[in-house]
Amino acid sequence: MRRTFAVLILILLALTAIRFYLVTKVGIIPDEAYYWTWSLQPDWCYWDQPPGIAWVHLWWGKLAGDSPAALHGLALLCSFLASVFSYGLLRQVLGERMAFWSILATQLVPLFAAGSVLILHDSLLLVFVPLAWWALVVAIDQDRPHYWLLVGLVLSCALYAKLSALMLGAGFALAALAHPVGRRHLGTPWPYLGAFLAAVLFSPVLLWNIKHDAILFYAVDRLSHDPEVVGLQRLLSMLEYLAGQLGVITPVLAVLGLIGAGAAIRRRNTEDGRRRLLLAVPALFILIYFWFNSFGAAVQANWPAMAWLALIPLGLELAAIRKREGRAAFRWALHLGVLLAVTVTVLMHWQGLSRLYPLPKDITDQFYGWERLAKRVRIEQANYGPEALMTVRYQIAAELVYHLGDRPEVYTIDNAHRGSQFTLWQDYAKLVGQDVLFVDPQLMPGKLARHFSSVTELAPFVRRRSGRTVETLHFYLGRNFHTEGPLAAYFENPVRHQIARIKRRQAPPN
């Protein structure tokens, strides 16, 4: 066992070193910059997620700084820890050999390969998910009911990372119901003590939301239910979800994972089947939950990522068993699945570094052009002396805060959008009488222009990648900001405005 684990660690360290070398050639995407800005004002909760990512940024910044290399290094550290903890979980259920190969295969899947270099909520979530899952397996498979306390403890950590850990907890409850030992545990206090412990540890987030008009739950509801997705759009949204999962996992490995989970359920009356049931049931519940959710709103491909930590290994194990039995279809599926995953992952990295294909919407463009934008902003600040910065999109605001060394306050006029942490921070009363530099891909809204004594359009800025235009950002100089005008209600209380807008949007039609 020690030799296998040592080999795995060496391979993971080698992969981490290669990824670190590659990722130093790109910048920080807007969402990474956005979550980093949260650490500038530590709190118990933020606009649409608990504070885990902010706290980690805060602690990591004191240790390693906040350069792009440091932030990418934090992402790689999270990926490394997630892989090590997943190995411990899978060794408990599938055995040492299958756990080893499963971790290596997972490292090659596009979803986890891309996620390994991005520091987002999921990066931290996937550190705690396998730990919580391991505690569940020990509690039920080894009949140690007091381990439910550890399940609750680690689940609370996962909740601090991302609210979707609630789905994992619900999946654990279903797994307990499906397993005879788990059902017996449900007749004891231990599972409920574990749940109570998680609730107590998570209570600061709940108390924060009581104080802040429950904005976290409104913001999450805004993402989970889109009233504009109706009729045929519901079907299209669901198909997009399925296509997204097949894309980020690759079709062969995704299908193998589902077949492997089905095989575990069919073998639930055997000892091995019951053990694998503890992986299959929570994973399938997570996938099904987001599948239902996709009928009412767009679901990002990374949201069900924690389910695939279990499904991919279950699929690989089934394919390996069928291969040994002489089933040629599974042998070819196993080889094709790994080859396809490697190919897609290599092409994805190549695209990010050198734009291999001229895609019309290339998500890897997010890495480029932000430092030049910050330099342009500094030039305009020196030329015209505006006291404040303003934009519509939180992504632009976050990149400016990150790349401008003085960490300026940036106001986001997102009255017609979903809101962000900047909405919670900004106080427009402090902005009255100041000159503002407005920077955004869209033209300055006419309503906003009426809140300045004068507005002058400056030369636009073109964000480029290797000489190619990625997007054009418009620059305006607004003199003498005032709150009187068409957006007065928004400027008076942006948070209340957003909550009221979410309520109106979710209200059923008359």
Protein backbone atom coordinates (compact mmCIF):
# COMPACT_ATOMS: atom_id res chain seq x y z
CA MET A 1 0.00 0.00 0.00
CA ARG A 2 2.76 2.44 0.92
CA ARG A 3 4.51 1.87 -2.40
CA THR A 4 1.34 2.45 -4.42
CA PHE A 5 0.56 5.61 -2.47
CA ALA A 6 4.14 6.86 -2.86
CA VAL A 7 3.99 6.32 -6.64
CA LEU A 8 0.67 8.16 -6.79
CA ILE A 9 2.09 11.11 -4.85
CA LEU A 10 5.10 11.32 -7.18
CA ILE A 11 2.84 11.30 -10.25
CA LEU A 12 0.56 13.94 -8.75
CA LEU A 13 3.53 16.14 -7.88
CA ALA A 14 4.86 15.79 -11.43
CA LEU A 15 1.47 16.73 -12.90
CA THR A 16 1.25 19.67 -10.51
CA ALA A 17 4.68 20.93 -11.56
CA ILE A 18 3.79 20.68 -15.27
CA ARG A 19 0.49 22.46 -14.75
CA PHE A 20 2.12 25.19 -12.70
CA TYR A 21 4.64 25.82 -15.49
CA LEU A 22 1.86 26.03 -18.09
CA VAL A 23 -0.48 28.21 -16.05
CA THR A 24 2.19 30.83 -15.31
CA LYS A 25 1.81 31.82 -18.97
CA VAL A 26 -1.77 33.02 -18.50
CA GLY A 27 -3.53 35.45 -16.20
CA ILE A 28 -6.45 35.30 -13.78
CA ILE A 29 -9.96 34.89 -15.15
CA PRO A 30 -12.65 37.31 -13.90
CA ASP A 31 -14.38 34.86 -11.54
CA GLU A 32 -11.05 34.07 -9.87
CA ALA A 33 -10.38 37.77 -9.41
CA TYR A 34 -13.91 38.29 -8.12
CA TYR A 35 -13.66 35.69 -5.37
CA TRP A 36 -10.22 36.99 -4.45
CA THR A 37 -11.74 40.45 -3.89
CA TRP A 38 -13.94 38.94 -1.20
CA SER A 39 -10.83 38.40 0.95
CA LEU A 40 -10.26 42.16 1.05
CA GLN A 41 -13.26 42.44 3.38
CA PRO A 42 -13.48 39.25 5.50
CA ASP A 43 -17.01 38.36 6.56
CA TRP A 44 -19.23 35.43 7.54
CA CYS A 45 -21.00 35.31 4.18
CA TYR A 46 -21.10 36.99 0.79
CA TRP A 47 -23.60 37.76 -1.92
CA ASP A 48 -24.20 34.29 -3.35
CA GLN A 49 -21.92 31.89 -1.43
CA PRO A 50 -20.56 31.21 2.06
CA PRO A 51 -17.13 32.60 3.00
CA GLY A 52 -14.81 29.61 2.58
CA ILE A 53 -13.07 30.83 -0.58
CA ALA A 54 -12.52 34.29 0.92
CA TRP A 55 -10.95 32.90 4.10
CA VAL A 56 -8.64 30.62 2.14
CA HIS A 57 -7.54 33.56 -0.02
CA LEU A 58 -6.93 35.60 3.11
CA TRP A 59 -4.75 32.96 4.76
CA TRP A 60 -2.98 32.00 1.54
CA GLY A 61 -2.26 35.64 0.73
CA LYS A 62 -0.39 36.05 4.01
CA LEU A 63 1.65 32.94 3.23
CA ALA A 64 2.30 33.18 -0.52
CA GLY A 65 0.96 36.55 -1.70
CA ASP A 66 -1.71 37.23 -4.29
CA SER A 67 0.21 37.19 -7.57
CA PRO A 68 -1.28 35.17 -10.45
CA ALA A 69 1.32 32.46 -9.77
CA ALA A 70 0.31 32.36 -6.09
CA LEU A 71 -3.39 32.06 -6.92
CA HIS A 72 -2.77 29.33 -9.47
CA GLY A 73 -0.56 27.61 -6.90
CA LEU A 74 -3.46 27.65 -4.43
CA ALA A 75 -5.71 26.03 -7.03
CA LEU A 76 -3.12 23.32 -7.68
CA LEU A 77 -2.74 22.69 -3.96
CA CYS A 78 -6.51 22.21 -3.63
CA SER A 79 -6.48 19.81 -6.58
CA PHE A 80 -3.60 17.85 -5.08
CA LEU A 81 -5.34 17.53 -1.71
CA ALA A 82 -8.64 16.57 -3.36
CA SER A 83 -6.87 13.77 -5.25
CA VAL A 84 -5.12 12.45 -2.14
CA PHE A 85 -8.35 12.47 -0.12
CA SER A 86 -10.25 10.85 -3.01
CA TYR A 87 -7.66 8.09 -3.09
CA GLY A 88 -8.35 7.40 0.58
CA LEU A 89 -12.08 7.23 -0.09
CA LEU A 90 -11.79 4.99 -3.15
CA ARG A 91 -9.27 2.67 -1.51
CA GLN A 92 -11.83 2.11 1.24
CA VAL A 93 -14.54 1.14 -1.28
CA LEU A 94 -12.86 -0.17 -4.43
CA GLY A 95 -9.48 -1.32 -3.20
CA GLU A 96 -5.96 0.03 -3.60
CA ARG A 97 -5.32 -0.80 -7.25
CA MET A 98 -8.60 0.59 -8.59
CA ALA A 99 -8.26 3.70 -6.40
CA PHE A 100 -4.82 4.34 -7.90
CA TRP A 101 -5.96 4.09 -11.52
CA SER A 102 -9.17 6.00 -10.82
CA ILE A 103 -7.28 9.00 -9.47
CA LEU A 104 -4.98 9.05 -12.49
CA ALA A 105 -7.93 8.80 -14.86
CA THR A 106 -9.77 11.58 -13.05
CA GLN A 107 -6.73 13.82 -13.43
CA LEU A 108 -7.06 13.44 -17.21
CA VAL A 109 -10.77 14.30 -17.44
CA PRO A 110 -11.29 17.82 -18.88
CA LEU A 111 -13.49 18.96 -15.97
CA PHE A 112 -10.92 18.17 -13.29
CA ALA A 113 -7.89 19.02 -15.41
CA ALA A 114 -9.23 22.52 -16.07
CA GLY A 115 -10.46 22.91 -12.51
CA SER A 116 -7.02 22.07 -11.14
CA VAL A 117 -5.61 25.44 -12.27
CA LEU A 118 -8.60 27.65 -11.38
CA ILE A 119 -9.23 28.77 -7.81
CA LEU A 120 -13.01 28.86 -7.50
CA HIS A 121 -15.57 27.64 -4.96
CA ASP A 122 -15.46 24.14 -6.43
CA SER A 123 -11.69 23.97 -5.86
CA LEU A 124 -12.23 24.19 -2.11
CA LEU A 125 -15.44 22.13 -2.14
CA LEU A 126 -13.70 19.16 -3.76
CA VAL A 127 -11.15 19.11 -0.95
CA PHE A 128 -13.85 18.41 1.66
CA VAL A 129 -16.23 16.24 -0.39
CA PRO A 130 -14.07 13.07 -0.42
CA LEU A 131 -13.29 13.53 3.29
CA ALA A 132 -17.00 13.68 4.15
CA TRP A 133 -17.68 10.72 1.85
CA TRP A 134 -14.89 8.72 3.51
CA ALA A 135 -16.39 9.41 6.94
CA LEU A 136 -19.78 8.19 5.67
CA VAL A 137 -18.26 4.96 4.33
CA VAL A 138 -16.46 4.29 7.60
CA ALA A 139 -19.60 5.05 9.62
CA ILE A 140 -21.81 2.66 7.67
CA ASP A 141 -19.54 0.05 6.08
CA GLN A 142 -17.52 -0.48 9.28
CA ASP A 143 -20.57 0.05 11.51
CA ARG A 144 -19.06 2.92 13.48
CA PRO A 145 -22.09 5.15 14.13
CA HIS A 146 -20.09 7.76 16.06
CA TYR A 147 -18.39 8.65 12.75
CA TRP A 148 -21.59 10.49 11.84
CA LEU A 149 -20.18 13.31 13.98
CA LEU A 150 -17.18 13.47 11.64
CA VAL A 151 -19.55 13.44 8.66
CA GLY A 152 -21.33 16.48 10.10
CA LEU A 153 -18.07 18.26 10.89
CA VAL A 154 -16.61 17.85 7.39
CA LEU A 155 -19.95 18.57 5.70
CA SER A 156 -20.06 21.91 7.50
CA CYS A 157 -16.61 22.68 6.04
CA ALA A 158 -17.92 21.73 2.60
CA LEU A 159 -20.91 24.03 3.12
CA TYR A 160 -18.58 26.91 3.92
CA ALA A 161 -16.92 26.21 0.58
CA LYS A 162 -20.13 26.07 -1.47
CA LEU A 163 -23.81 25.83 -0.65
CA SER A 164 -24.32 22.94 -3.09
CA ALA A 165 -22.77 20.66 -0.45
CA LEU A 166 -26.35 20.49 0.81
CA MET A 167 -27.00 18.13 -2.09
CA LEU A 168 -24.18 15.88 -0.92
CA GLY A 169 -25.70 15.76 2.57
CA ALA A 170 -29.08 14.83 1.13
CA GLY A 171 -27.38 12.14 -0.94
CA PHE A 172 -25.76 10.76 2.22
CA ALA A 173 -29.17 10.50 3.87
CA LEU A 174 -30.51 8.53 0.89
CA ALA A 175 -27.44 6.27 0.96
CA ALA A 176 -28.12 5.53 4.63
CA LEU A 177 -31.73 4.62 3.78
CA ALA A 178 -30.54 2.30 1.00
CA HIS A 179 -28.02 0.44 3.18
CA PRO A 180 -29.17 -1.97 5.93
CA VAL A 181 -26.54 -0.75 8.39
CA GLY A 182 -27.37 2.83 7.51
CA ARG A 183 -31.05 2.20 8.21
CA ARG A 184 -30.13 0.79 11.58
CA HIS A 185 -28.01 3.90 12.30
CA LEU A 186 -31.02 6.07 11.53
CA GLY A 187 -32.67 4.52 14.55
CA THR A 188 -29.86 5.87 16.76
CA PRO A 189 -29.03 9.49 17.73
CA TRP A 190 -25.71 9.59 15.85
CA PRO A 191 -26.80 10.71 12.35
CA TYR A 192 -28.98 13.43 13.87
CA LEU A 193 -26.19 14.58 16.18
CA GLY A 194 -23.97 14.84 13.10
CA ALA A 195 -26.60 16.91 11.29
CA PHE A 196 -27.05 19.09 14.39
CA LEU A 197 -23.29 19.64 14.61
CA ALA A 198 -23.18 20.72 10.96
CA ALA A 199 -26.07 23.13 11.54
CA VAL A 200 -24.44 24.65 14.62
CA LEU A 201 -21.10 25.12 12.86
CA PHE A 202 -22.86 26.66 9.85
CA SER A 203 -25.09 28.91 11.98
CA PRO A 204 -22.87 32.05 11.60
CA VAL A 205 -23.75 32.04 7.89
CA LEU A 206 -27.45 31.79 8.71
CA LEU A 207 -27.23 34.58 11.30
CA TRP A 208 -25.39 36.79 8.83
CA ASN A 209 -28.22 36.30 6.34
CA ILE A 210 -30.84 37.20 8.93
CA LYS A 211 -28.97 40.47 9.38
CA HIS A 212 -28.60 41.03 5.61
CA ASP A 213 -32.14 40.32 4.35
CA ALA A 214 -31.31 36.69 3.43
CA ILE A 215 -29.51 37.90 0.31
CA LEU A 216 -27.58 34.62 -0.10
CA PHE A 217 -30.79 32.64 -0.53
CA TYR A 218 -32.32 35.19 -2.89
CA ALA A 219 -29.15 35.19 -4.99
CA VAL A 220 -29.03 31.38 -5.12
CA ASP A 221 -32.72 31.25 -5.98
CA ARG A 222 -32.04 33.71 -8.78
CA LEU A 223 -29.55 31.24 -10.25
CA SER A 224 -31.74 28.19 -9.69
CA HIS A 225 -35.01 29.48 -11.15
CA ASP A 226 -35.19 31.49 -14.34
CA PRO A 227 -38.80 32.47 -15.20
CA GLU A 228 -37.71 33.13 -18.79
CA VAL A 229 -37.01 29.42 -19.26
CA VAL A 230 -40.45 28.20 -20.32
CA GLY A 231 -41.98 25.84 -22.85
CA LEU A 232 -39.50 24.42 -25.33
CA GLN A 233 -36.71 26.34 -23.61
CA ARG A 234 -37.04 23.97 -20.65
CA LEU A 235 -36.23 21.02 -22.88
CA LEU A 236 -33.35 22.86 -24.52
CA SER A 237 -31.97 23.83 -21.11
CA MET A 238 -32.09 20.21 -19.99
CA LEU A 239 -30.36 19.05 -23.19
CA GLU A 240 -27.66 21.68 -22.65
CA TYR A 241 -27.11 20.27 -19.18
CA LEU A 242 -26.70 16.74 -20.52
CA ALA A 243 -24.43 17.90 -23.33
CA GLY A 244 -22.35 19.86 -20.84
CA GLN A 245 -21.83 16.80 -18.66
CA LEU A 246 -20.85 14.68 -21.65
CA GLY A 247 -18.47 17.41 -22.76
CA VAL A 248 -16.60 18.00 -19.50
CA ILE A 249 -16.37 14.30 -18.58
CA THR A 250 -16.23 13.01 -22.20
CA PRO A 251 -19.05 10.78 -23.46
CA VAL A 252 -17.47 7.35 -22.96
CA LEU A 253 -16.37 7.91 -19.36
CA ALA A 254 -19.67 9.60 -18.50
CA VAL A 255 -21.72 6.68 -19.82
CA LEU A 256 -19.41 4.16 -18.15
CA GLY A 257 -19.87 6.01 -14.86
CA LEU A 258 -23.65 5.81 -15.09
CA ILE A 259 -23.51 2.12 -16.02
CA GLY A 260 -21.14 1.49 -13.11
CA ALA A 261 -23.51 3.21 -10.69
CA GLY A 262 -26.41 1.16 -12.05
CA ALA A 263 -24.41 -2.04 -11.57
CA ALA A 264 -23.75 -1.09 -7.94
CA ILE A 265 -27.46 -0.63 -7.33
CA ARG A 266 -28.27 -3.98 -8.96
CA ARG A 267 -25.72 -5.69 -6.68
CA ARG A 268 -27.03 -4.00 -3.53
CA ASN A 269 -27.76 -7.38 -1.90
CA THR A 270 -24.08 -8.36 -1.91
CA GLU A 271 -21.45 -7.03 0.49
CA ASP A 272 -19.42 -5.37 -2.28
CA GLY A 273 -22.56 -3.98 -3.86
CA ARG A 274 -23.71 -2.41 -0.60
CA ARG A 275 -20.31 -0.77 -0.16
CA ARG A 276 -20.43 0.67 -3.67
CA LEU A 277 -23.99 1.79 -3.03
CA LEU A 278 -22.50 4.39 -0.68
CA LEU A 279 -20.77 5.95 -3.69
CA ALA A 280 -23.49 5.45 -6.28
CA VAL A 281 -26.54 6.77 -4.43
CA PRO A 282 -25.21 10.23 -3.42
CA ALA A 283 -23.57 10.70 -6.84
CA LEU A 284 -26.72 9.83 -8.76
CA PHE A 285 -28.82 12.01 -6.48
CA ILE A 286 -26.58 15.01 -7.24
CA LEU A 287 -26.79 14.42 -10.99
CA ILE A 288 -30.57 13.96 -10.87
CA TYR A 289 -31.05 17.05 -8.72
CA PHE A 290 -29.22 19.24 -11.22
CA TRP A 291 -31.03 17.48 -14.07
CA PHE A 292 -34.38 18.55 -12.58
CA ASN A 293 -32.96 22.00 -11.92
CA SER A 294 -31.94 22.33 -15.57
CA PHE A 295 -35.61 22.41 -16.60
CA GLY A 296 -35.95 25.75 -14.83
CA ALA A 297 -32.58 27.44 -15.29
CA ALA A 298 -29.19 27.04 -16.91
CA VAL A 299 -26.88 24.70 -14.98
CA GLN A 300 -23.16 25.28 -15.29
CA ALA A 301 -21.23 22.16 -16.30
CA ASN A 302 -19.03 22.25 -13.20
CA TRP A 303 -21.86 22.33 -10.63
CA PRO A 304 -22.32 18.51 -10.37
CA ALA A 305 -18.52 17.93 -10.30
CA MET A 306 -18.54 16.20 -6.91
CA ALA A 307 -20.76 13.43 -8.30
CA TRP A 308 -18.12 12.42 -10.82
CA LEU A 309 -15.52 11.81 -8.10
CA ALA A 310 -17.50 8.62 -7.45
CA LEU A 311 -19.07 7.86 -10.83
CA ILE A 312 -15.86 7.81 -12.88
CA PRO A 313 -14.22 5.21 -10.58
CA LEU A 314 -17.36 3.08 -10.55
CA GLY A 315 -17.40 3.11 -14.34
CA LEU A 316 -13.72 2.28 -14.63
CA GLU A 317 -14.05 -0.61 -12.19
CA LEU A 318 -16.98 -2.09 -14.10
CA ALA A 319 -15.14 -1.75 -17.42
CA ALA A 320 -12.05 -3.42 -15.94
CA ILE A 321 -14.14 -6.33 -14.60
CA ARG A 322 -15.92 -6.81 -17.91
CA LYS A 323 -12.61 -6.59 -19.74
CA ARG A 324 -11.18 -9.42 -17.62
CA GLU A 325 -14.31 -11.42 -18.44
CA GLY A 326 -13.49 -11.08 -22.12
CA ARG A 327 -16.16 -8.50 -22.99
CA ALA A 328 -14.55 -6.79 -25.98
CA ALA A 329 -16.97 -3.85 -25.95
CA PHE A 330 -15.88 -2.84 -22.46
CA ARG A 331 -12.21 -3.27 -23.32
CA TRP A 332 -12.57 -0.90 -26.24
CA ALA A 333 -14.70 1.48 -24.18
CA LEU A 334 -12.07 1.62 -21.45
CA HIS A 335 -9.26 2.37 -23.88
CA LEU A 336 -11.33 4.79 -25.94
CA GLY A 337 -12.60 6.62 -22.87
CA VAL A 338 -9.13 7.29 -21.49
CA LEU A 339 -7.74 8.19 -24.92
CA LEU A 340 -10.59 10.61 -25.60
CA ALA A 341 -10.20 12.25 -22.19
CA VAL A 342 -6.45 12.72 -22.71
CA THR A 343 -6.99 14.11 -26.21
CA VAL A 344 -9.65 16.61 -25.16
CA THR A 345 -7.61 17.74 -22.15
CA VAL A 346 -4.45 18.25 -24.22
CA LEU A 347 -6.38 20.21 -26.87
CA MET A 348 -8.05 22.28 -24.14
CA HIS A 349 -4.69 23.26 -22.64
CA TRP A 350 -3.26 23.93 -26.09
CA GLN A 351 -6.21 26.17 -26.88
CA GLY A 352 -5.70 28.12 -23.67
CA LEU A 353 -2.05 28.74 -24.36
CA SER A 354 -1.92 29.34 -28.12
CA ARG A 355 -5.49 29.42 -29.47
CA LEU A 356 -5.24 26.31 -31.60
CA TYR A 357 -8.69 26.83 -33.14
CA PRO A 358 -10.43 30.16 -33.95
CA LEU A 359 -13.54 29.52 -31.89
CA PRO A 360 -16.27 32.22 -32.07
CA LYS A 361 -16.71 32.11 -28.27
CA ASP A 362 -13.45 30.99 -26.76
CA ILE A 363 -13.71 30.74 -22.96
CA THR A 364 -9.91 30.73 -22.70
CA ASP A 365 -9.93 34.38 -23.83
CA GLN A 366 -10.84 35.17 -20.23
CA PHE A 367 -7.17 34.80 -19.27
CA TYR A 368 -5.92 37.63 -21.47
CA GLY A 369 -5.73 41.42 -21.68
CA TRP A 370 -6.55 42.50 -18.14
CA GLU A 371 -3.17 43.97 -17.24
CA ARG A 372 -3.30 46.19 -20.32
CA LEU A 373 -6.79 47.31 -19.33
CA ALA A 374 -5.49 48.30 -15.89
CA LYS A 375 -2.66 50.28 -17.50
CA ARG A 376 -5.15 52.14 -19.67
CA VAL A 377 -7.24 52.99 -16.60
CA ARG A 378 -4.15 54.37 -14.84
CA ILE A 379 -3.45 56.60 -17.85
CA GLU A 380 -6.98 58.02 -17.84
CA GLN A 381 -6.81 58.54 -14.08
CA ALA A 382 -3.61 60.50 -14.53
CA ASN A 383 -5.08 62.53 -17.41
CA TYR A 384 -8.48 63.41 -15.94
CA GLY A 385 -8.20 62.70 -12.21
CA PRO A 386 -11.52 60.87 -11.61
CA GLU A 387 -11.93 59.89 -7.99
CA ALA A 388 -13.89 56.68 -8.62
CA LEU A 389 -14.31 53.81 -11.07
CA MET A 390 -17.61 52.44 -12.33
CA THR A 391 -18.76 49.56 -14.50
CA VAL A 392 -21.80 47.35 -15.05
CA ARG A 393 -20.25 43.89 -14.86
CA TYR A 394 -18.77 42.50 -11.67
CA GLN A 395 -16.16 40.71 -13.82
CA ILE A 396 -14.69 44.02 -15.01
CA ALA A 397 -14.81 45.43 -11.49
CA ALA A 398 -12.97 42.42 -10.08
CA GLU A 399 -10.20 42.51 -12.69
CA LEU A 400 -9.67 46.23 -12.08
CA VAL A 401 -9.50 45.80 -8.31
CA TYR A 402 -7.05 42.93 -8.72
CA HIS A 403 -4.72 44.58 -11.24
CA LEU A 404 -4.77 48.13 -9.88
CA GLY A 405 -2.28 48.08 -7.03
CA ASP A 406 -4.15 50.53 -4.80
CA ARG A 407 -7.21 48.16 -4.63
CA PRO A 408 -9.70 50.92 -5.51
CA GLU A 409 -13.42 50.83 -4.82
CA VAL A 410 -15.26 50.05 -8.03
CA TYR A 411 -19.00 50.71 -8.31
CA THR A 412 -21.08 48.27 -10.36
CA ILE A 413 -24.29 49.68 -11.81
CA ASP A 414 -25.97 46.30 -12.01
CA ASN A 415 -29.53 47.45 -11.40
CA ALA A 416 -30.77 45.41 -14.37
CA HIS A 417 -28.57 42.38 -13.67
CA ARG A 418 -28.34 39.75 -10.93
CA GLY A 419 -26.23 41.73 -8.46
CA SER A 420 -22.91 40.77 -6.91
CA GLN A 421 -20.82 41.28 -3.81
CA PHE A 422 -20.01 44.77 -5.10
CA THR A 423 -23.73 45.55 -4.77
CA LEU A 424 -23.49 44.77 -1.07
CA TRP A 425 -20.37 46.87 -0.55
CA GLN A 426 -21.09 50.05 -2.47
CA ASP A 427 -22.36 53.24 -0.82
CA TYR A 428 -23.42 55.76 -3.44
CA ALA A 429 -23.79 58.51 -0.88
CA LYS A 430 -19.98 58.63 -0.73
CA LEU A 431 -19.85 59.04 -4.50
CA VAL A 432 -21.93 62.23 -4.65
CA GLY A 433 -20.00 65.13 -6.18
CA GLN A 434 -17.15 62.95 -7.47
CA ASP A 435 -15.93 62.43 -11.01
CA VAL A 436 -16.17 58.87 -12.31
CA LEU A 437 -14.40 56.82 -14.97
CA PHE A 438 -16.92 54.37 -16.46
CA VAL A 439 -15.49 51.22 -18.12
CA ASP A 440 -17.65 48.48 -19.60
CA PRO A 441 -18.26 46.46 -22.79
CA GLN A 442 -21.63 48.16 -23.17
CA LEU A 443 -22.23 51.85 -23.81
CA MET A 444 -23.05 53.94 -20.78
CA PRO A 445 -26.79 53.54 -20.16
CA GLY A 446 -28.77 56.70 -20.82
CA LYS A 447 -30.36 56.55 -17.37
CA LEU A 448 -26.93 56.49 -15.75
CA ALA A 449 -25.70 59.43 -17.84
CA ARG A 450 -28.45 61.58 -16.33
CA HIS A 451 -26.79 61.19 -12.92
CA PHE A 452 -23.78 63.26 -13.98
CA SER A 453 -23.46 66.95 -14.72
CA SER A 454 -21.64 66.03 -17.93
CA VAL A 455 -20.45 62.87 -19.68
CA THR A 456 -17.55 62.70 -22.14
CA GLU A 457 -16.88 59.63 -24.23
CA LEU A 458 -13.19 58.68 -24.37
CA ALA A 459 -11.40 56.40 -26.80
CA PRO A 460 -12.45 52.77 -26.32
CA PHE A 461 -10.07 50.05 -25.20
CA VAL A 462 -9.72 46.84 -27.20
CA ARG A 463 -8.84 43.79 -25.14
CA ARG A 464 -6.68 41.61 -27.34
CA ARG A 465 -5.13 38.19 -27.38
CA SER A 466 -2.17 37.67 -29.70
CA GLY A 467 -3.26 40.65 -31.77
CA ARG A 468 -6.87 39.44 -32.09
CA THR A 469 -9.75 41.46 -30.70
CA VAL A 470 -11.47 39.73 -27.78
CA GLU A 471 -13.84 42.52 -26.77
CA THR A 472 -14.15 46.30 -26.88
CA LEU A 473 -14.59 48.23 -23.66
CA HIS A 474 -16.05 51.73 -23.71
CA PHE A 475 -14.63 54.54 -21.59
CA TYR A 476 -16.63 57.53 -20.32
CA LEU A 477 -15.71 60.36 -18.00
CA GLY A 478 -18.65 61.42 -15.85
CA ARG A 479 -18.38 64.71 -13.95
CA ASN A 480 -20.09 65.48 -10.60
CA PHE A 481 -22.15 62.39 -9.77
CA HIS A 482 -25.54 62.92 -8.10
CA THR A 483 -28.24 60.48 -7.02
CA GLU A 484 -31.24 62.49 -8.22
CA GLY A 485 -32.59 60.97 -11.41
CA PRO A 486 -34.08 57.79 -12.89
CA LEU A 487 -31.91 55.43 -10.81
CA ALA A 488 -32.44 57.20 -7.49
CA ALA A 489 -34.16 54.22 -5.86
CA TYR A 490 -31.29 51.94 -6.84
CA PHE A 491 -28.64 54.33 -5.53
CA GLU A 492 -30.50 54.72 -2.25
CA ASN A 493 -30.35 50.98 -1.45
CA PRO A 494 -28.89 48.66 -4.15
CA VAL A 495 -29.44 45.51 -2.08
CA ARG A 496 -33.11 46.22 -1.44
CA HIS A 497 -33.52 47.02 -5.14
CA GLN A 498 -32.03 43.66 -6.16
CA ILE A 499 -34.13 41.68 -3.68
CA ALA A 500 -37.30 43.39 -4.87
CA ARG A 501 -36.31 42.71 -8.47
CA ILE A 502 -35.70 39.01 -7.73
CA LYS A 503 -39.08 38.75 -6.01
CA ARG A 504 -40.85 40.37 -8.97
CA ARG A 505 -39.00 38.15 -11.38
CA GLN A 506 -39.94 34.96 -9.55
CA ALA A 507 -43.56 35.93 -8.95
CA PRO A 508 -46.03 33.80 -10.95
CA PRO A 509 -47.79 35.65 -13.79
CA ASN A 510 -51.27 36.99 -13.09
